[in-house]
Amino acid sequence: MSSQSIQRKSEALTAQMMKAAETEDFETAARLRNEIAELKGPTVRQPPPGQMGLGTHIPVAAPPSDWKRPKKPDPMTRNVKPRGGRS
């Protein structure tokens, strides 16, 4: 489908959905909402339940498969500058 035909169909479905919501036919409105979402295509991947942080609406992004967690630096020996001007 072309983008114009998708837009026209989306607008027609939106009008039908609003009419169904006004008449309190919520099952039809929900079905039309899902059809509109399918027309528009995928948006942000929604994680399965329990994969989101508490109190947030931001999905958790999985790291790439070849990514490795960096080593934690040892605070006692690395990245510590000497104090008092001693070298």
C-alpha atoms as a PDB file:
ATOM      1  CA  MET A   1       0.000   0.000   0.000  1.00  0.00           C
ATOM      2  CA  SER A   2       1.147   3.507  -0.693  1.00  0.00           C
ATOM      3  CA  SER A   3       1.606   5.995   2.128  1.00  0.00           C
ATOM      4  CA  GLN A   4      -1.398   8.028   0.904  1.00  0.00           C
ATOM      5  CA  SER A   5      -3.719   5.022   0.931  1.00  0.00           C
ATOM      6  CA  ILE A   6      -2.446   4.029   4.367  1.00  0.00           C
ATOM      7  CA  GLN A   7      -3.122   7.584   5.575  1.00  0.00           C
ATOM      8  CA  ARG A   8      -6.668   7.586   4.126  1.00  0.00           C
ATOM      9  CA  LYS A   9      -7.480   4.170   5.586  1.00  0.00           C
ATOM     10  CA  SER A  10      -6.021   5.223   8.952  1.00  0.00           C
ATOM     11  CA  GLU A  11      -8.178   8.363   8.991  1.00  0.00           C
ATOM     12  CA  ALA A  12     -11.293   6.350   8.080  1.00  0.00           C
ATOM     13  CA  LEU A  13     -10.577   3.796  10.813  1.00  0.00           C
ATOM     14  CA  THR A  14      -9.937   6.589  13.310  1.00  0.00           C
ATOM     15  CA  ALA A  15     -13.319   8.131  12.499  1.00  0.00           C
ATOM     16  CA  GLN A  16     -15.001   4.733  12.942  1.00  0.00           C
ATOM     17  CA  MET A  17     -13.138   4.223  16.218  1.00  0.00           C
ATOM     18  CA  MET A  18     -14.292   7.610  17.548  1.00  0.00           C
ATOM     19  CA  LYS A  19     -17.872   6.822  16.549  1.00  0.00           C
ATOM     20  CA  ALA A  20     -17.675   3.446  18.287  1.00  0.00           C
ATOM     21  CA  ALA A  21     -16.247   5.068  21.434  1.00  0.00           C
ATOM     22  CA  GLU A  22     -19.041   7.665  21.474  1.00  0.00           C
ATOM     23  CA  THR A  23     -21.635   4.879  21.342  1.00  0.00           C
ATOM     24  CA  GLU A  24     -19.686   3.059  24.073  1.00  0.00           C
ATOM     25  CA  ASP A  25     -18.902   0.064  21.853  1.00  0.00           C
ATOM     26  CA  PHE A  26     -15.440  -0.315  23.333  1.00  0.00           C
ATOM     27  CA  GLU A  27     -14.730  -3.765  21.899  1.00  0.00           C
ATOM     28  CA  THR A  28     -15.130  -2.445  18.363  1.00  0.00           C
ATOM     29  CA  ALA A  29     -13.101   0.650  19.232  1.00  0.00           C
ATOM     30  CA  ALA A  30     -10.272  -1.527  20.586  1.00  0.00           C
ATOM     31  CA  ARG A  31     -10.314  -3.713  17.465  1.00  0.00           C
ATOM     32  CA  LEU A  32     -10.144  -0.613  15.251  1.00  0.00           C
ATOM     33  CA  ARG A  33      -7.315   0.803  17.375  1.00  0.00           C
ATOM     34  CA  ASN A  34      -5.335  -2.403  16.846  1.00  0.00           C
ATOM     35  CA  GLU A  35      -5.969  -2.264  13.084  1.00  0.00           C
ATOM     36  CA  ILE A  36      -4.684   1.329  13.001  1.00  0.00           C
ATOM     37  CA  ALA A  37      -1.563   0.289  14.918  1.00  0.00           C
ATOM     38  CA  GLU A  38      -0.921  -2.522  12.421  1.00  0.00           C
ATOM     39  CA  LEU A  39      -1.272  -0.088   9.518  1.00  0.00           C
ATOM     40  CA  LYS A  40       1.207   2.358  10.992  1.00  0.00           C
ATOM     41  CA  GLY A  41       3.765  -0.385  11.571  1.00  0.00           C
ATOM     42  CA  PRO A  42       5.996  -1.208  14.512  1.00  0.00           C
ATOM     43  CA  THR A  43       7.025   1.565  16.866  1.00  0.00           C
ATOM     44  CA  VAL A  44       9.085   0.940  19.993  1.00  0.00           C
ATOM     45  CA  ARG A  45       9.586  -2.667  20.967  1.00  0.00           C
ATOM     46  CA  GLN A  46       7.614  -3.391  24.098  1.00  0.00           C
ATOM     47  CA  PRO A  47       9.381  -5.729  26.532  1.00  0.00           C
ATOM     48  CA  PRO A  48       7.497  -8.605  28.126  1.00  0.00           C
ATOM     49  CA  PRO A  49       5.891  -7.976  31.523  1.00  0.00           C
ATOM     50  CA  GLY A  50       8.414  -7.741  34.330  1.00  0.00           C
ATOM     51  CA  GLN A  51      11.265  -6.534  32.114  1.00  0.00           C
ATOM     52  CA  MET A  52      10.654  -2.822  32.729  1.00  0.00           C
ATOM     53  CA  GLY A  53      11.931  -0.949  35.729  1.00  0.00           C
ATOM     54  CA  LEU A  54       9.484  -0.108  38.462  1.00  0.00           C
ATOM     55  CA  GLY A  55       7.689   3.180  37.929  1.00  0.00           C
ATOM     56  CA  THR A  56       9.045   3.806  34.441  1.00  0.00           C
ATOM     57  CA  HIS A  57       7.547   3.729  30.973  1.00  0.00           C
ATOM     58  CA  ILE A  58      10.896   3.453  29.173  1.00  0.00           C
ATOM     59  CA  PRO A  59      11.559  -0.015  27.720  1.00  0.00           C
ATOM     60  CA  VAL A  60      14.772  -1.799  28.595  1.00  0.00           C
ATOM     61  CA  ALA A  61      17.108  -2.086  25.608  1.00  0.00           C
ATOM     62  CA  ALA A  62      19.109  -5.291  25.310  1.00  0.00           C
ATOM     63  CA  PRO A  63      22.849  -4.876  24.610  1.00  0.00           C
ATOM     64  CA  PRO A  64      24.278  -6.280  21.361  1.00  0.00           C
ATOM     65  CA  SER A  65      25.077 -10.000  21.417  1.00  0.00           C
ATOM     66  CA  ASP A  66      28.851  -9.447  21.077  1.00  0.00           C
ATOM     67  CA  TRP A  67      29.026  -6.823  23.856  1.00  0.00           C
ATOM     68  CA  LYS A  68      31.051  -7.673  26.969  1.00  0.00           C
ATOM     69  CA  ARG A  69      30.805  -5.882  30.283  1.00  0.00           C
ATOM     70  CA  PRO A  70      34.003  -3.869  30.953  1.00  0.00           C
ATOM     71  CA  LYS A  71      36.164  -4.793  33.917  1.00  0.00           C
ATOM     72  CA  LYS A  72      35.660  -2.719  37.025  1.00  0.00           C
ATOM     73  CA  PRO A  73      38.741  -0.702  37.963  1.00  0.00           C
ATOM     74  CA  ASP A  74      40.457  -1.458  41.244  1.00  0.00           C
ATOM     75  CA  PRO A  75      40.125   1.775  43.279  1.00  0.00           C
ATOM     76  CA  MET A  76      43.126   0.916  45.447  1.00  0.00           C
ATOM     77  CA  THR A  77      45.724   0.710  42.671  1.00  0.00           C
ATOM     78  CA  ARG A  78      44.441   2.149  39.407  1.00  0.00           C
ATOM     79  CA  ASN A  79      43.255   5.607  38.492  1.00  0.00           C
ATOM     80  CA  VAL A  80      44.475   7.023  41.810  1.00  0.00           C
ATOM     81  CA  LYS A  81      46.740  10.066  41.703  1.00  0.00           C
ATOM     82  CA  PRO A  82      49.255  10.419  44.519  1.00  0.00           C
ATOM     83  CA  ARG A  83      48.571  13.170  47.057  1.00  0.00           C
ATOM     84  CA  GLY A  84      50.881  15.817  48.421  1.00  0.00           C
ATOM     85  CA  GLY A  85      53.121  16.256  45.400  1.00  0.00           C
ATOM     86  CA  ARG A  86      54.915  12.937  45.781  1.00  0.00           C
ATOM     87  CA  SER A  87      55.560  11.044  42.594  1.00  0.00           C
END
